[in-house]
Amino acid sequence: MRRILAAADQGAKGIVIQALGWGNVNIPMFEAIKYAIGKGIPVVISTRVPTGRVLPVYGFAGGGKTLKDAGAIFADDLNPQKARLLLMLALQAGVKDTQALQKFFDL
């Protein structure tokens, strides 16, 4: 959580989160993600499980649905390393809008 806040404060261009299961995080991490999104930093949610995808299913604070509602981008079935590369390429191409970024991950 502190690393997310520090990255947001030090000018990160984008952040990839390695979440649990379908893309869920705990409440302190959720608050840090909302902080980064509030600063205009795109935050991509990926998963640490070897197979499967992240989906906005659960509605609790830190659940996939609340992350999506807060403006997070979902990496679908990309692992965090691939999501990071795709985010870097999209940002380098000048894509900054959350909906436009999400389209890169929906392909």
PDB file of N, CA and C in Angstrom:
ATOM      1  N   MET A   1       0.818  -1.179   0.000  1.00  0.00           N
ATOM      2  CA  MET A   1       0.000   0.000   0.000  1.00  0.00           C
ATOM      3  C   MET A   1       0.873   1.258   0.000  1.00  0.00           C
ATOM      4  N   ARG A   2       1.881   1.284   0.832  1.00  0.00           N
ATOM      5  CA  ARG A   2       2.762   2.460   0.892  1.00  0.00           C
ATOM      6  C   ARG A   2       3.491   2.687  -0.424  1.00  0.00           C
ATOM      7  N   ARG A   3       3.804   1.614  -1.123  1.00  0.00           N
ATOM      8  CA  ARG A   3       4.490   1.757  -2.411  1.00  0.00           C
ATOM      9  C   ARG A   3       3.570   2.386  -3.451  1.00  0.00           C
ATOM     10  N   ILE A   4       2.302   2.084  -3.376  1.00  0.00           N
ATOM     11  CA  ILE A   4       1.333   2.688  -4.302  1.00  0.00           C
ATOM     12  C   ILE A   4       1.249   4.184  -4.039  1.00  0.00           C
ATOM     13  N   LEU A   5       1.132   4.546  -2.775  1.00  0.00           N
ATOM     14  CA  LEU A   5       1.064   5.962  -2.417  1.00  0.00           C
ATOM     15  C   LEU A   5       2.336   6.692  -2.829  1.00  0.00           C
ATOM     16  N   ALA A   6       3.482   6.073  -2.581  1.00  0.00           N
ATOM     17  CA  ALA A   6       4.762   6.697  -2.942  1.00  0.00           C
ATOM     18  C   ALA A   6       4.876   6.838  -4.454  1.00  0.00           C
ATOM     19  N   ALA A   7       4.491   5.814  -5.192  1.00  0.00           N
ATOM     20  CA  ALA A   7       4.552   5.885  -6.651  1.00  0.00           C
ATOM     21  C   ALA A   7       3.655   7.000  -7.170  1.00  0.00           C
ATOM     22  N   ALA A   8       2.464   7.107  -6.601  1.00  0.00           N
ATOM     23  CA  ALA A   8       1.532   8.160  -7.017  1.00  0.00           C
ATOM     24  C   ALA A   8       2.099   9.539  -6.709  1.00  0.00           C
ATOM     25  N   ASP A   9       2.724   9.689  -5.558  1.00  0.00           N
ATOM     26  CA  ASP A   9       3.277  10.986  -5.160  1.00  0.00           C
ATOM     27  C   ASP A   9       4.542  11.352  -5.926  1.00  0.00           C
ATOM     28  N   GLN A  10       5.238  10.350  -6.450  1.00  0.00           N
ATOM     29  CA  GLN A  10       6.497  10.617  -7.140  1.00  0.00           C
ATOM     30  C   GLN A  10       6.346  10.648  -8.663  1.00  0.00           C
ATOM     31  N   GLY A  11       5.106  10.700  -9.138  1.00  0.00           N
ATOM     32  CA  GLY A  11       4.878  10.914 -10.558  1.00  0.00           C
ATOM     33  C   GLY A  11       4.817   9.691 -11.439  1.00  0.00           C
ATOM     34  N   ALA A  12       4.382   8.564 -10.902  1.00  0.00           N
ATOM     35  CA  ALA A  12       4.236   7.373 -11.741  1.00  0.00           C
ATOM     36  C   ALA A  12       3.279   7.662 -12.888  1.00  0.00           C
ATOM     37  N   LYS A  13       3.559   7.119 -14.033  1.00  0.00           N
ATOM     38  CA  LYS A  13       2.695   7.295 -15.215  1.00  0.00           C
ATOM     39  C   LYS A  13       1.570   6.268 -15.235  1.00  0.00           C
ATOM     40  N   GLY A  14       1.781   5.130 -14.589  1.00  0.00           N
ATOM     41  CA  GLY A  14       0.790   4.061 -14.520  1.00  0.00           C
ATOM     42  C   GLY A  14       1.217   3.052 -13.480  1.00  0.00           C
ATOM     43  N   ILE A  15       0.250   2.291 -12.965  1.00  0.00           N
ATOM     44  CA  ILE A  15       0.531   1.308 -11.916  1.00  0.00           C
ATOM     45  C   ILE A  15      -0.215   0.017 -12.260  1.00  0.00           C
ATOM     46  N   VAL A  16       0.460  -1.116 -12.091  1.00  0.00           N
ATOM     47  CA  VAL A  16      -0.172  -2.426 -12.246  1.00  0.00           C
ATOM     48  C   VAL A  16      -0.216  -3.080 -10.874  1.00  0.00           C
ATOM     49  N   ILE A  17      -1.396  -3.535 -10.487  1.00  0.00           N
ATOM     50  CA  ILE A  17      -1.601  -4.189  -9.197  1.00  0.00           C
ATOM     51  C   ILE A  17      -1.733  -5.686  -9.415  1.00  0.00           C
ATOM     52  N   GLN A  18      -0.995  -6.459  -8.652  1.00  0.00           N
ATOM     53  CA  GLN A  18      -1.107  -7.914  -8.662  1.00  0.00           C
ATOM     54  C   GLN A  18      -2.091  -8.283  -7.557  1.00  0.00           C
ATOM     55  N   ALA A  19      -3.357  -8.418  -7.923  1.00  0.00           N
ATOM     56  CA  ALA A  19      -4.423  -8.642  -6.948  1.00  0.00           C
ATOM     57  C   ALA A  19      -4.622 -10.136  -6.684  1.00  0.00           C
ATOM     58  N   LEU A  20      -5.570 -10.423  -5.828  1.00  0.00           N
ATOM     59  CA  LEU A  20      -5.923 -11.799  -5.498  1.00  0.00           C
ATOM     60  C   LEU A  20      -7.060 -12.278  -6.400  1.00  0.00           C
ATOM     61  N   GLY A  21      -7.128 -13.568  -6.628  1.00  0.00           N
ATOM     62  CA  GLY A  21      -8.261 -14.179  -7.313  1.00  0.00           C
ATOM     63  C   GLY A  21      -8.721 -13.435  -8.542  1.00  0.00           C
ATOM     64  N   TRP A  22      -9.987 -13.051  -8.542  1.00  0.00           N
ATOM     65  CA  TRP A  22     -10.590 -12.371  -9.690  1.00  0.00           C
ATOM     66  C   TRP A  22     -10.279 -10.889  -9.735  1.00  0.00           C
ATOM     67  N   GLY A  23      -9.381 -10.421  -8.904  1.00  0.00           N
ATOM     68  CA  GLY A  23      -9.004  -9.010  -8.922  1.00  0.00           C
ATOM     69  C   GLY A  23      -9.453  -8.272  -7.684  1.00  0.00           C
ATOM     70  N   ASN A  24      -9.303  -8.885  -6.537  1.00  0.00           N
ATOM     71  CA  ASN A  24      -9.727  -8.285  -5.281  1.00  0.00           C
ATOM     72  C   ASN A  24      -8.517  -7.893  -4.441  1.00  0.00           C
ATOM     73  N   VAL A  25      -8.678  -6.825  -3.667  1.00  0.00           N
ATOM     74  CA  VAL A  25      -7.620  -6.354  -2.781  1.00  0.00           C
ATOM     75  C   VAL A  25      -8.230  -6.029  -1.419  1.00  0.00           C
ATOM     76  N   ASN A  26      -7.375  -5.827  -0.429  1.00  0.00           N
ATOM     77  CA  ASN A  26      -7.884  -5.455   0.892  1.00  0.00           C
ATOM     78  C   ASN A  26      -8.214  -3.957   0.923  1.00  0.00           C
ATOM     79  N   ILE A  27      -8.829  -3.522   1.995  1.00  0.00           N
ATOM     80  CA  ILE A  27      -9.310  -2.139   2.084  1.00  0.00           C
ATOM     81  C   ILE A  27      -8.172  -1.114   2.029  1.00  0.00           C
ATOM     82  N   PRO A  28      -7.070  -1.286   2.763  1.00  0.00           N
ATOM     83  CA  PRO A  28      -5.989  -0.302   2.642  1.00  0.00           C
ATOM     84  C   PRO A  28      -5.435  -0.187   1.215  1.00  0.00           C
ATOM     85  N   MET A  29      -5.318  -1.315   0.518  1.00  0.00           N
ATOM     86  CA  MET A  29      -4.848  -1.286  -0.873  1.00  0.00           C
ATOM     87  C   MET A  29      -5.890  -0.594  -1.756  1.00  0.00           C
ATOM     88  N   PHE A  30      -7.163  -0.853  -1.500  1.00  0.00           N
ATOM     89  CA  PHE A  30      -8.246  -0.196  -2.244  1.00  0.00           C
ATOM     90  C   PHE A  30      -8.160   1.320  -2.089  1.00  0.00           C
ATOM     91  N   GLU A  31      -7.919   1.784  -0.883  1.00  0.00           N
ATOM     92  CA  GLU A  31      -7.803   3.223  -0.640  1.00  0.00           C
ATOM     93  C   GLU A  31      -6.595   3.808  -1.382  1.00  0.00           C
ATOM     94  N   ALA A  32      -5.485   3.071  -1.404  1.00  0.00           N
ATOM     95  CA  ALA A  32      -4.291   3.535  -2.119  1.00  0.00           C
ATOM     96  C   ALA A  32      -4.553   3.585  -3.625  1.00  0.00           C
ATOM     97  N   ILE A  33      -5.269   2.614  -4.134  1.00  0.00           N
ATOM     98  CA  ILE A  33      -5.606   2.591  -5.566  1.00  0.00           C
ATOM     99  C   ILE A  33      -6.497   3.778  -5.907  1.00  0.00           C
ATOM    100  N   LYS A  34      -7.493   4.035  -5.071  1.00  0.00           N
ATOM    101  CA  LYS A  34      -8.370   5.192  -5.303  1.00  0.00           C
ATOM    102  C   LYS A  34      -7.573   6.490  -5.260  1.00  0.00           C
ATOM    103  N   TYR A  35      -6.593   6.572  -4.380  1.00  0.00           N
ATOM    104  CA  TYR A  35      -5.738   7.754  -4.291  1.00  0.00           C
ATOM    105  C   TYR A  35      -4.981   7.966  -5.607  1.00  0.00           C
ATOM    106  N   ALA A  36      -4.395   6.891  -6.127  1.00  0.00           N
ATOM    107  CA  ALA A  36      -3.637   6.988  -7.375  1.00  0.00           C
ATOM    108  C   ALA A  36      -4.559   7.369  -8.538  1.00  0.00           C
ATOM    109  N   ILE A  37      -5.720   6.760  -8.614  1.00  0.00           N
ATOM    110  CA  ILE A  37      -6.672   7.082  -9.676  1.00  0.00           C
ATOM    111  C   ILE A  37      -7.105   8.539  -9.555  1.00  0.00           C
ATOM    112  N   GLY A  38      -7.303   9.010  -8.331  1.00  0.00           N
ATOM    113  CA  GLY A  38      -7.678  10.395  -8.097  1.00  0.00           C
ATOM    114  C   GLY A  38      -6.618  11.378  -8.570  1.00  0.00           C
ATOM    115  N   LYS A  39      -5.374  10.934  -8.629  1.00  0.00           N
ATOM    116  CA  LYS A  39      -4.284  11.784  -9.124  1.00  0.00           C
ATOM    117  C   LYS A  39      -4.121  11.662 -10.640  1.00  0.00           C
ATOM    118  N   GLY A  40      -5.039  10.936 -11.275  1.00  0.00           N
ATOM    119  CA  GLY A  40      -4.994  10.797 -12.728  1.00  0.00           C
ATOM    120  C   GLY A  40      -4.073   9.709 -13.237  1.00  0.00           C
ATOM    121  N   ILE A  41      -3.652   8.808 -12.368  1.00  0.00           N
ATOM    122  CA  ILE A  41      -2.741   7.729 -12.755  1.00  0.00           C
ATOM    123  C   ILE A  41      -3.564   6.491 -13.100  1.00  0.00           C
ATOM    124  N   PRO A  42      -3.389   5.937 -14.312  1.00  0.00           N
ATOM    125  CA  PRO A  42      -4.119   4.715 -14.642  1.00  0.00           C
ATOM    126  C   PRO A  42      -3.614   3.548 -13.789  1.00  0.00           C
ATOM    127  N   VAL A  43      -4.558   2.818 -13.222  1.00  0.00           N
ATOM    128  CA  VAL A  43      -4.224   1.659 -12.397  1.00  0.00           C
ATOM    129  C   VAL A  43      -4.841   0.424 -13.039  1.00  0.00           C
ATOM    130  N   VAL A  44      -3.995  -0.552 -13.366  1.00  0.00           N
ATOM    131  CA  VAL A  44      -4.425  -1.789 -14.006  1.00  0.00           C
ATOM    132  C   VAL A  44      -4.434  -2.895 -12.955  1.00  0.00           C
ATOM    133  N   ILE A  45      -5.538  -3.636 -12.909  1.00  0.00           N
ATOM    134  CA  ILE A  45      -5.677  -4.732 -11.963  1.00  0.00           C
ATOM    135  C   ILE A  45      -5.434  -6.040 -12.701  1.00  0.00           C
ATOM    136  N   SER A  46      -4.452  -6.807 -12.230  1.00  0.00           N
ATOM    137  CA  SER A  46      -4.151  -8.133 -12.749  1.00  0.00           C
ATOM    138  C   SER A  46      -4.291  -9.115 -11.584  1.00  0.00           C
ATOM    139  N   THR A  47      -3.982 -10.367 -11.808  1.00  0.00           N
ATOM    140  CA  THR A  47      -4.104 -11.357 -10.738  1.00  0.00           C
ATOM    141  C   THR A  47      -2.815 -12.142 -10.572  1.00  0.00           C
ATOM    142  N   ARG A  48      -2.615 -12.621  -9.371  1.00  0.00           N
ATOM    143  CA  ARG A  48      -1.420 -13.407  -9.097  1.00  0.00           C
ATOM    144  C   ARG A  48      -1.627 -14.898  -9.348  1.00  0.00           C
ATOM    145  N   VAL A  49      -2.876 -15.330  -9.585  1.00  0.00           N
ATOM    146  CA  VAL A  49      -3.118 -16.749  -9.837  1.00  0.00           C
ATOM    147  C   VAL A  49      -2.615 -17.112 -11.232  1.00  0.00           C
ATOM    148  N   PRO A  50      -2.122 -18.321 -11.414  1.00  0.00           N
ATOM    149  CA  PRO A  50      -1.488 -18.684 -12.683  1.00  0.00           C
ATOM    150  C   PRO A  50      -2.434 -18.685 -13.895  1.00  0.00           C
ATOM    151  N   THR A  51      -3.680 -19.046 -13.700  1.00  0.00           N
ATOM    152  CA  THR A  51      -4.631 -19.046 -14.813  1.00  0.00           C
ATOM    153  C   THR A  51      -5.928 -18.399 -14.360  1.00  0.00           C
ATOM    154  N   GLY A  52      -6.632 -17.854 -15.297  1.00  0.00           N
ATOM    155  CA  GLY A  52      -7.885 -17.178 -14.980  1.00  0.00           C
ATOM    156  C   GLY A  52      -7.791 -15.709 -15.327  1.00  0.00           C
ATOM    157  N   ARG A  53      -8.862 -15.003 -15.045  1.00  0.00           N
ATOM    158  CA  ARG A  53      -8.911 -13.589 -15.400  1.00  0.00           C
ATOM    159  C   ARG A  53      -9.487 -12.782 -14.260  1.00  0.00           C
ATOM    160  N   VAL A  54      -9.266 -11.481 -14.334  1.00  0.00           N
ATOM    161  CA  VAL A  54      -9.847 -10.581 -13.350  1.00  0.00           C
ATOM    162  C   VAL A  54     -11.198 -10.115 -13.879  1.00  0.00           C
ATOM    163  N   LEU A  55     -12.173 -10.066 -12.991  1.00  0.00           N
ATOM    164  CA  LEU A  55     -13.525  -9.666 -13.356  1.00  0.00           C
ATOM    165  C   LEU A  55     -14.113  -8.793 -12.260  1.00  0.00           C
ATOM    166  N   PRO A  56     -14.902  -7.800 -12.629  1.00  0.00           N
ATOM    167  CA  PRO A  56     -15.537  -6.935 -11.617  1.00  0.00           C
ATOM    168  C   PRO A  56     -16.765  -7.606 -11.032  1.00  0.00           C
ATOM    169  N   VAL A  57     -16.564  -8.589 -10.149  1.00  0.00           N
ATOM    170  CA  VAL A  57     -17.665  -9.384  -9.618  1.00  0.00           C
ATOM    171  C   VAL A  57     -18.074  -8.939  -8.211  1.00  0.00           C
ATOM    172  N   TYR A  58     -17.145  -8.926  -7.278  1.00  0.00           N
ATOM    173  CA  TYR A  58     -17.491  -8.699  -5.882  1.00  0.00           C
ATOM    174  C   TYR A  58     -17.631  -7.211  -5.569  1.00  0.00           C
ATOM    175  N   GLY A  59     -18.658  -6.878  -4.785  1.00  0.00           N
ATOM    176  CA  GLY A  59     -18.980  -5.484  -4.512  1.00  0.00           C
ATOM    177  C   GLY A  59     -18.498  -4.951  -3.180  1.00  0.00           C
ATOM    178  N   PHE A  60     -17.726  -5.696  -2.417  1.00  0.00           N
ATOM    179  CA  PHE A  60     -17.220  -5.177  -1.144  1.00  0.00           C
ATOM    180  C   PHE A  60     -16.089  -4.193  -1.400  1.00  0.00           C
ATOM    181  N   ALA A  61     -15.759  -3.390  -0.410  1.00  0.00           N
ATOM    182  CA  ALA A  61     -14.652  -2.424  -0.554  1.00  0.00           C
ATOM    183  C   ALA A  61     -13.375  -3.191  -0.885  1.00  0.00           C
ATOM    184  N   GLY A  62     -12.845  -2.971  -2.062  1.00  0.00           N
ATOM    185  CA  GLY A  62     -11.667  -3.692  -2.522  1.00  0.00           C
ATOM    186  C   GLY A  62     -12.003  -4.824  -3.470  1.00  0.00           C
ATOM    187  N   GLY A  63     -13.287  -5.094  -3.648  1.00  0.00           N
ATOM    188  CA  GLY A  63     -13.717  -6.115  -4.596  1.00  0.00           C
ATOM    189  C   GLY A  63     -13.603  -5.594  -6.015  1.00  0.00           C
ATOM    190  N   GLY A  64     -13.643  -6.503  -6.963  1.00  0.00           N
ATOM    191  CA  GLY A  64     -13.484  -6.120  -8.350  1.00  0.00           C
ATOM    192  C   GLY A  64     -14.481  -5.072  -8.821  1.00  0.00           C
ATOM    193  N   LYS A  65     -15.734  -5.183  -8.410  1.00  0.00           N
ATOM    194  CA  LYS A  65     -16.744  -4.220  -8.847  1.00  0.00           C
ATOM    195  C   LYS A  65     -16.439  -2.830  -8.311  1.00  0.00           C
ATOM    196  N   THR A  66     -16.041  -2.735  -7.055  1.00  0.00           N
ATOM    197  CA  THR A  66     -15.741  -1.412  -6.489  1.00  0.00           C
ATOM    198  C   THR A  66     -14.472  -0.832  -7.107  1.00  0.00           C
ATOM    199  N   LEU A  67     -13.517  -1.673  -7.473  1.00  0.00           N
ATOM    200  CA  LEU A  67     -12.328  -1.191  -8.164  1.00  0.00           C
ATOM    201  C   LEU A  67     -12.688  -0.645  -9.543  1.00  0.00           C
ATOM    202  N   LYS A  68     -13.536  -1.372 -10.255  1.00  0.00           N
ATOM    203  CA  LYS A  68     -13.977  -0.924 -11.576  1.00  0.00           C
ATOM    204  C   LYS A  68     -14.748   0.384 -11.453  1.00  0.00           C
ATOM    205  N   ASP A  69     -15.641   0.464 -10.465  1.00  0.00           N
ATOM    206  CA  ASP A  69     -16.415   1.689 -10.247  1.00  0.00           C
ATOM    207  C   ASP A  69     -15.515   2.875  -9.895  1.00  0.00           C
ATOM    208  N   ALA A  70     -14.379   2.604  -9.257  1.00  0.00           N
ATOM    209  CA  ALA A  70     -13.441   3.661  -8.880  1.00  0.00           C
ATOM    210  C   ALA A  70     -12.596   4.128 -10.070  1.00  0.00           C
ATOM    211  N   GLY A  71     -12.627   3.372 -11.172  1.00  0.00           N
ATOM    212  CA  GLY A  71     -11.881   3.775 -12.357  1.00  0.00           C
ATOM    213  C   GLY A  71     -10.692   2.903 -12.704  1.00  0.00           C
ATOM    214  N   ALA A  72     -10.562   1.748 -12.035  1.00  0.00           N
ATOM    215  CA  ALA A  72      -9.447   0.847 -12.347  1.00  0.00           C
ATOM    216  C   ALA A  72      -9.681   0.165 -13.696  1.00  0.00           C
ATOM    217  N   ILE A  73      -8.600  -0.232 -14.316  1.00  0.00           N
ATOM    218  CA  ILE A  73      -8.607  -0.928 -15.597  1.00  0.00           C
ATOM    219  C   ILE A  73      -8.339  -2.405 -15.303  1.00  0.00           C
ATOM    220  N   PHE A  74      -9.084  -3.300 -15.945  1.00  0.00           N
ATOM    221  CA  PHE A  74      -8.903  -4.723 -15.700  1.00  0.00           C
ATOM    222  C   PHE A  74      -8.090  -5.367 -16.819  1.00  0.00           C
ATOM    223  N   ALA A  75      -7.085  -6.155 -16.437  1.00  0.00           N
ATOM    224  CA  ALA A  75      -6.145  -6.760 -17.375  1.00  0.00           C
ATOM    225  C   ALA A  75      -6.663  -8.041 -18.013  1.00  0.00           C
ATOM    226  N   ASP A  76      -7.904  -8.388 -17.784  1.00  0.00           N
ATOM    227  CA  ASP A  76      -8.510  -9.603 -18.319  1.00  0.00           C
ATOM    228  C   ASP A  76      -7.681 -10.817 -17.891  1.00  0.00           C
ATOM    229  N   ASP A  77      -7.064 -11.542 -18.825  1.00  0.00           N
ATOM    230  CA  ASP A  77      -6.307 -12.743 -18.442  1.00  0.00           C
ATOM    231  C   ASP A  77      -4.794 -12.553 -18.524  1.00  0.00           C
ATOM    232  N   LEU A  78      -4.339 -11.311 -18.619  1.00  0.00           N
ATOM    233  CA  LEU A  78      -2.894 -11.065 -18.670  1.00  0.00           C
ATOM    234  C   LEU A  78      -2.285 -11.114 -17.272  1.00  0.00           C
ATOM    235  N   ASN A  79      -1.140 -11.764 -17.161  1.00  0.00           N
ATOM    236  CA  ASN A  79      -0.445 -11.753 -15.879  1.00  0.00           C
ATOM    237  C   ASN A  79       0.121 -10.353 -15.645  1.00  0.00           C
ATOM    238  N   PRO A  80       0.571 -10.047 -14.440  1.00  0.00           N
ATOM    239  CA  PRO A  80       1.055  -8.691 -14.149  1.00  0.00           C
ATOM    240  C   PRO A  80       2.204  -8.227 -15.045  1.00  0.00           C
ATOM    241  N   GLN A  81       3.103  -9.132 -15.410  1.00  0.00           N
ATOM    242  CA  GLN A  81       4.227  -8.740 -16.247  1.00  0.00           C
ATOM    243  C   GLN A  81       3.754  -8.315 -17.639  1.00  0.00           C
ATOM    244  N   LYS A  82       2.854  -9.081 -18.223  1.00  0.00           N
ATOM    245  CA  LYS A  82       2.327  -8.734 -19.542  1.00  0.00           C
ATOM    246  C   LYS A  82       1.463  -7.477 -19.469  1.00  0.00           C
ATOM    247  N   ALA A  83       0.700  -7.341 -18.391  1.00  0.00           N
ATOM    248  CA  ALA A  83      -0.130  -6.142 -18.218  1.00  0.00           C
ATOM    249  C   ALA A  83       0.748  -4.898 -18.122  1.00  0.00           C
ATOM    250  N   ARG A  84       1.876  -5.015 -17.448  1.00  0.00           N
ATOM    251  CA  ARG A  84       2.800  -3.882 -17.323  1.00  0.00           C
ATOM    252  C   ARG A  84       3.341  -3.472 -18.685  1.00  0.00           C
ATOM    253  N   LEU A  85       3.744  -4.456 -19.489  1.00  0.00           N
ATOM    254  CA  LEU A  85       4.259  -4.148 -20.817  1.00  0.00           C
ATOM    255  C   LEU A  85       3.191  -3.490 -21.689  1.00  0.00           C
ATOM    256  N   LEU A  86       1.977  -4.015 -21.654  1.00  0.00           N
ATOM    257  CA  LEU A  86       0.907  -3.435 -22.453  1.00  0.00           C
ATOM    258  C   LEU A  86       0.574  -2.020 -21.996  1.00  0.00           C
ATOM    259  N   LEU A  87       0.551  -1.800 -20.703  1.00  0.00           N
ATOM    260  CA  LEU A  87       0.300  -0.454 -20.189  1.00  0.00           C
ATOM    261  C   LEU A  87       1.409   0.505 -20.623  1.00  0.00           C
ATOM    262  N   MET A  88       2.652   0.074 -20.549  1.00  0.00           N
ATOM    263  CA  MET A  88       3.773   0.922 -20.975  1.00  0.00           C
ATOM    264  C   MET A  88       3.647   1.291 -22.446  1.00  0.00           C
ATOM    265  N   LEU A  89       3.303   0.325 -23.285  1.00  0.00           N
ATOM    266  CA  LEU A  89       3.170   0.589 -24.720  1.00  0.00           C
ATOM    267  C   LEU A  89       2.012   1.543 -24.993  1.00  0.00           C
ATOM    268  N   ALA A  90       0.893   1.333 -24.329  1.00  0.00           N
ATOM    269  CA  ALA A  90      -0.271   2.198 -24.534  1.00  0.00           C
ATOM    270  C   ALA A  90       0.025   3.626 -24.083  1.00  0.00           C
ATOM    271  N   LEU A  91       0.662   3.770 -22.935  1.00  0.00           N
ATOM    272  CA  LEU A  91       1.000   5.113 -22.449  1.00  0.00           C
ATOM    273  C   LEU A  91       2.011   5.792 -23.372  1.00  0.00           C
ATOM    274  N   GLN A  92       2.982   5.035 -23.864  1.00  0.00           N
ATOM    275  CA  GLN A  92       3.976   5.584 -24.783  1.00  0.00           C
ATOM    276  C   GLN A  92       3.323   6.050 -26.077  1.00  0.00           C
ATOM    277  N   ALA A  93       2.247   5.366 -26.471  1.00  0.00           N
ATOM    278  CA  ALA A  93       1.520   5.745 -27.690  1.00  0.00           C
ATOM    279  C   ALA A  93       0.619   6.948 -27.459  1.00  0.00           C
ATOM    280  N   GLY A  94       0.582   7.434 -26.230  1.00  0.00           N
ATOM    281  CA  GLY A  94      -0.202   8.624 -25.927  1.00  0.00           C
ATOM    282  C   GLY A  94      -1.612   8.367 -25.435  1.00  0.00           C
ATOM    283  N   VAL A  95      -1.951   7.114 -25.189  1.00  0.00           N
ATOM    284  CA  VAL A  95      -3.287   6.780 -24.693  1.00  0.00           C
ATOM    285  C   VAL A  95      -3.316   7.020 -23.190  1.00  0.00           C
ATOM    286  N   LYS A  96      -4.222   7.861 -22.743  1.00  0.00           N
ATOM    287  CA  LYS A  96      -4.288   8.169 -21.314  1.00  0.00           C
ATOM    288  C   LYS A  96      -5.693   7.985 -20.746  1.00  0.00           C
ATOM    289  N   ASP A  97      -6.705   8.033 -21.593  1.00  0.00           N
ATOM    290  CA  ASP A  97      -8.079   7.894 -21.158  1.00  0.00           C
ATOM    291  C   ASP A  97      -8.341   6.470 -20.656  1.00  0.00           C
ATOM    292  N   THR A  98      -9.005   6.357 -19.514  1.00  0.00           N
ATOM    293  CA  THR A  98      -9.245   5.051 -18.902  1.00  0.00           C
ATOM    294  C   THR A  98     -10.019   4.119 -19.826  1.00  0.00           C
ATOM    295  N   GLN A  99     -11.052   4.620 -20.468  1.00  0.00           N
ATOM    296  CA  GLN A  99     -11.843   3.765 -21.359  1.00  0.00           C
ATOM    297  C   GLN A  99     -11.023   3.314 -22.563  1.00  0.00           C
ATOM    298  N   ALA A 100     -10.211   4.193 -23.097  1.00  0.00           N
ATOM    299  CA  ALA A 100      -9.354   3.819 -24.227  1.00  0.00           C
ATOM    300  C   ALA A 100      -8.307   2.797 -23.794  1.00  0.00           C
ATOM    301  N   LEU A 101      -7.752   2.975 -22.603  1.00  0.00           N
ATOM    302  CA  LEU A 101      -6.793   1.995 -22.086  1.00  0.00           C
ATOM    303  C   LEU A 101      -7.452   0.643 -21.877  1.00  0.00           C
ATOM    304  N   GLN A 102      -8.673   0.645 -21.349  1.00  0.00           N
ATOM    305  CA  GLN A 102      -9.384  -0.616 -21.113  1.00  0.00           C
ATOM    306  C   GLN A 102      -9.550  -1.384 -22.408  1.00  0.00           C
ATOM    307  N   LYS A 103      -9.761  -0.695 -23.516  1.00  0.00           N
ATOM    308  CA  LYS A 103      -9.928  -1.359 -24.810  1.00  0.00           C
ATOM    309  C   LYS A 103      -8.678  -2.139 -25.208  1.00  0.00           C
ATOM    310  N   PHE A 104      -7.494  -1.647 -24.824  1.00  0.00           N
ATOM    311  CA  PHE A 104      -6.262  -2.386 -25.100  1.00  0.00           C
ATOM    312  C   PHE A 104      -6.278  -3.739 -24.396  1.00  0.00           C
ATOM    313  N   PHE A 105      -6.799  -3.765 -23.178  1.00  0.00           N
ATOM    314  CA  PHE A 105      -6.800  -4.997 -22.391  1.00  0.00           C
ATOM    315  C   PHE A 105      -7.967  -5.911 -22.726  1.00  0.00           C
ATOM    316  N   ASP A 106      -8.957  -5.397 -23.427  1.00  0.00           N
ATOM    317  CA  ASP A 106     -10.128  -6.206 -23.797  1.00  0.00           C
ATOM    318  C   ASP A 106      -9.927  -6.966 -25.086  1.00  0.00           C
ATOM    319  N   LEU A 107      -8.821  -6.747 -25.796  1.00  0.00           N
ATOM    320  CA  LEU A 107      -8.602  -7.424 -27.076  1.00  0.00           C
ATOM    321  C   LEU A 107      -8.344  -8.899 -26.908  1.00  0.00           C
TER     322      LEU A 107
END
